[in-house]
Amino acid sequence: MSLDGFIAGPGISSKEPMGTNGQRLHEWIFNKATDTDKAMIEEIMNSAGAVITGSHTYSTAIDEAWAGASPFDAPAFVLCHTIPPKKIKGFTYVTGGILEALNLCRKTAGEKDIWIMGGANVIQQYINAGLIDELRLHIAPMLLMKGTKLFENGGIEPVELIRESVIETPGALHTVFRIKK
């Protein structure tokens, strides 16, 4: 995300799944990845036993960004109100809400992590329900100024975080926070 809290720019579409200038938030992965950045992404991918994504992220990224295939090594679950017309191998479509998706992921992931990769609305729902144990935030050194904010629709009560780690690379500040229960 950007330093000002945006995880995508404005104008999200299938041609620009991260919105205007949103791809710049991920240069640390694709264009400027250091060995530390690469190791971090590899660890996230290897530790994930299941992935949860929202239908908006799925529908805007599937054709352009993901080239019509799942980019995940683990089974991915798409939270949606209705099953999308375009179904891709490697994705399971869940219409029963965040708890149903989480329970399916728990069965699938076993002892591995469940990665809730977004979008913002999906992450907000899980935070507001108290169902997230850890936040991994990768903060790009930029102010995006507009777009989709990660923490825009918070709950009523503050969420206390305990910093677990901070790693700085030229392309991002990588932070891990445990959510205080």
Foldseek 3Di string as FASTA:
>chain_A
DAPVFAQAFPDDALQRNRYVCNVLLVCCPPPVPDPVNVVVVVVVQVQAQEEEEEPSSCVSDCCPPVVNEDPGPHQYEYEDCDDDPRDHPSYHYDNPDDVVVVVVRCVRRPPGDYHYPDDLVSVQVCVQVVNDFKDKDWYFHDDSPHDHGNCPDHDDDDWDWDWDDWDDDNGTIITMTTTDD
